[in-house]
Amino acid sequence: MYEFTAELVSVEEDDYCLVVGLADSSTDPSRYVILQNAKAYDDQDRELGMDHAHLEVGGGLEPCYGGLERVSLLGMELELLLSDVAQRKLGINGGIVVMLKTLDSRGPLEAALGQICASEKIAFALSATAEADRLTVQQGLRQPE
């Protein structure tokens, strides 16, 4: 599992693509995730297998196109479930888990991830109260569902 706490969350959009970046430091990141999704793909993109979301991780072997199978933004935890092929290309075992340091950028992050998942037909789970739900269950105040 590739894990870190994101000090920096960036969402950038232009006429051509949407880019989501998360990093453990704003000045000298050692762990990061960049997810980029084009708004349209052309024939060349399709021929080269570049007609899917582009994913890169800090320290990874190589970036990859596609392989993102599920995205979950539950409370302050972002989880990206990856195919076996994507894991091998990126050089990681398991998925990616990023803890958000603050909720300041959760709204734009949620919107961008929702847009990427919708365009790529990727499952997207969302809950603003997952952390509160988890704590309530841990404290025995409610049974898990």
Foldseek 3Di string as FASTA:
>chain_A
DAEDEFPDWDWDDDPFKIKIKTFRDPPDGQWMKIKMATPDDDPVCVVVVNHAIWIAIRPFQAIDGDQFAEWECAAQKIKTFGDPVRCVRRVHPGTYIYGYPDCPCVVVVVVRVVVRCVVRVHHYHYDNCRVVVVVCCVVVVDPDD
